[in-house]
Amino acid sequence: MPACMSAEMQIEDLRNHPEITVLALRDLLSGGATIIPDPKRRGLYEVHSETLVYYIHVSPVSGNILLLATWPHEVEQLRTKRGA
């Protein structure tokens, strides 16, 4: 599902990620990135960039986004392993 987030959205970083990570997530969401619902956890989603996967929660009450975790995107991991 494509995200339709405004530039005014509130992103709360619960794990003290680098500021550039939060800004990149904001850019992805405001640019219409696809968010993938977690089939096992209601209200939790993945947002994929070329290099990272962002794991977020969207508050049903406030609409605020909570950045919970990031990890390398699988495609990027494969490139690194192959030396590409």
C-alpha atoms as a PDB file:
ATOM      1  CA  MET A   1       0.000   0.000   0.000  1.00  0.00           C
ATOM      2  CA  PRO A   2       1.498   3.378  -0.968  1.00  0.00           C
ATOM      3  CA  ALA A   3       2.028   5.839   1.838  1.00  0.00           C
ATOM      4  CA  CYS A   4       0.346   9.233   1.660  1.00  0.00           C
ATOM      5  CA  MET A   5       2.137  11.071   4.413  1.00  0.00           C
ATOM      6  CA  SER A   6       2.596  14.809   4.650  1.00  0.00           C
ATOM      7  CA  ALA A   7       5.875  16.591   5.266  1.00  0.00           C
ATOM      8  CA  GLU A   8       4.392  17.603   8.643  1.00  0.00           C
ATOM      9  CA  MET A   9       4.214  14.005   9.912  1.00  0.00           C
ATOM     10  CA  GLN A  10       5.641  13.258  13.326  1.00  0.00           C
ATOM     11  CA  ILE A  11       8.255  10.514  13.412  1.00  0.00           C
ATOM     12  CA  GLU A  12       9.347   9.379  16.846  1.00  0.00           C
ATOM     13  CA  ASP A  13      12.632   7.494  16.998  1.00  0.00           C
ATOM     14  CA  LEU A  14      12.526   5.040  19.888  1.00  0.00           C
ATOM     15  CA  ARG A  15      16.042   3.650  19.423  1.00  0.00           C
ATOM     16  CA  ASN A  16      18.158   6.761  18.794  1.00  0.00           C
ATOM     17  CA  HIS A  17      18.912   6.044  15.144  1.00  0.00           C
ATOM     18  CA  PRO A  18      21.123   8.556  13.336  1.00  0.00           C
ATOM     19  CA  GLU A  19      19.231  11.676  12.275  1.00  0.00           C
ATOM     20  CA  ILE A  20      19.925  10.869   8.618  1.00  0.00           C
ATOM     21  CA  THR A  21      17.989   7.608   9.059  1.00  0.00           C
ATOM     22  CA  VAL A  22      14.907   9.419  10.342  1.00  0.00           C
ATOM     23  CA  LEU A  23      15.159  12.001   7.544  1.00  0.00           C
ATOM     24  CA  ALA A  24      15.471   9.236   4.946  1.00  0.00           C
ATOM     25  CA  LEU A  25      12.339   7.559   6.333  1.00  0.00           C
ATOM     26  CA  ARG A  26      10.483  10.883   6.179  1.00  0.00           C
ATOM     27  CA  ASP A  27      11.553  11.319   2.546  1.00  0.00           C
ATOM     28  CA  LEU A  28      10.434   7.798   1.672  1.00  0.00           C
ATOM     29  CA  LEU A  29       7.025   8.218   3.275  1.00  0.00           C
ATOM     30  CA  SER A  30       6.371  11.670   1.847  1.00  0.00           C
ATOM     31  CA  GLY A  31       7.481  10.416  -1.573  1.00  0.00           C
ATOM     32  CA  GLY A  32       4.803   7.736  -1.623  1.00  0.00           C
ATOM     33  CA  ALA A  33       6.871   4.701  -0.638  1.00  0.00           C
ATOM     34  CA  THR A  34       5.026   1.422  -0.322  1.00  0.00           C
ATOM     35  CA  ILE A  35       4.410   0.283   3.229  1.00  0.00           C
ATOM     36  CA  ILE A  36       4.047  -3.440   3.810  1.00  0.00           C
ATOM     37  CA  PRO A  37       1.801  -4.534   6.695  1.00  0.00           C
ATOM     38  CA  ASP A  38       3.255  -7.060   9.127  1.00  0.00           C
ATOM     39  CA  PRO A  39       0.855 -10.001   8.821  1.00  0.00           C
ATOM     40  CA  LYS A  40       1.413 -11.005  12.451  1.00  0.00           C
ATOM     41  CA  ARG A  41       1.297  -7.610  14.153  1.00  0.00           C
ATOM     42  CA  ARG A  42      -1.486  -5.104  13.684  1.00  0.00           C
ATOM     43  CA  GLY A  43      -0.363  -1.516  13.112  1.00  0.00           C
ATOM     44  CA  LEU A  44       3.233  -2.480  12.284  1.00  0.00           C
ATOM     45  CA  TYR A  45       4.748  -2.051   8.832  1.00  0.00           C
ATOM     46  CA  GLU A  46       7.935  -2.351   6.812  1.00  0.00           C
ATOM     47  CA  VAL A  47       9.127   0.405   4.495  1.00  0.00           C
ATOM     48  CA  HIS A  48      11.882  -0.565   2.064  1.00  0.00           C
ATOM     49  CA  SER A  49      14.553   1.676   0.602  1.00  0.00           C
ATOM     50  CA  GLU A  50      17.359   0.504  -1.672  1.00  0.00           C
ATOM     51  CA  THR A  51      19.628  -0.169   1.294  1.00  0.00           C
ATOM     52  CA  LEU A  52      17.464  -0.376   4.444  1.00  0.00           C
ATOM     53  CA  VAL A  53      14.229  -1.805   5.756  1.00  0.00           C
ATOM     54  CA  TYR A  54      12.456   0.421   8.296  1.00  0.00           C
ATOM     55  CA  TYR A  55      10.108  -1.204  10.808  1.00  0.00           C
ATOM     56  CA  ILE A  56       7.461   1.256  11.962  1.00  0.00           C
ATOM     57  CA  HIS A  57       4.259   1.549  13.939  1.00  0.00           C
ATOM     58  CA  VAL A  58       1.570   4.007  12.895  1.00  0.00           C
ATOM     59  CA  SER A  59      -0.498   5.152  15.853  1.00  0.00           C
ATOM     60  CA  PRO A  60      -4.210   4.747  15.129  1.00  0.00           C
ATOM     61  CA  VAL A  61      -4.934   7.551  17.594  1.00  0.00           C
ATOM     62  CA  SER A  62      -2.457  10.294  16.695  1.00  0.00           C
ATOM     63  CA  GLY A  63      -1.196   9.131  13.304  1.00  0.00           C
ATOM     64  CA  ASN A  64       2.365   9.523  14.597  1.00  0.00           C
ATOM     65  CA  ILE A  65       4.959   7.148  13.241  1.00  0.00           C
ATOM     66  CA  LEU A  66       7.223   5.275  15.621  1.00  0.00           C
ATOM     67  CA  LEU A  67      10.518   4.101  14.138  1.00  0.00           C
ATOM     68  CA  LEU A  68      11.191   0.821  15.912  1.00  0.00           C
ATOM     69  CA  ALA A  69      14.065  -0.766  13.978  1.00  0.00           C
ATOM     70  CA  THR A  70      16.094  -0.798  10.791  1.00  0.00           C
ATOM     71  CA  TRP A  71      18.134  -3.490   9.106  1.00  0.00           C
ATOM     72  CA  PRO A  72      19.979  -3.860   5.808  1.00  0.00           C
ATOM     73  CA  HIS A  73      17.756  -4.596   2.840  1.00  0.00           C
ATOM     74  CA  GLU A  74      18.237  -8.216   1.730  1.00  0.00           C
ATOM     75  CA  VAL A  75      19.185  -7.205  -1.818  1.00  0.00           C
ATOM     76  CA  GLU A  76      21.923  -4.954  -0.428  1.00  0.00           C
ATOM     77  CA  GLN A  77      23.184  -7.794   1.795  1.00  0.00           C
ATOM     78  CA  LEU A  78      23.504 -10.069  -1.249  1.00  0.00           C
ATOM     79  CA  ARG A  79      25.447  -7.394  -3.183  1.00  0.00           C
ATOM     80  CA  THR A  80      27.832  -6.953  -0.249  1.00  0.00           C
ATOM     81  CA  LYS A  81      28.426 -10.704   0.064  1.00  0.00           C
ATOM     82  CA  ARG A  82      29.148 -11.022  -3.663  1.00  0.00           C
ATOM     83  CA  GLY A  83      31.425  -7.988  -3.674  1.00  0.00           C
ATOM     84  CA  ALA A  84      29.324  -6.151  -6.245  1.00  0.00           C
END
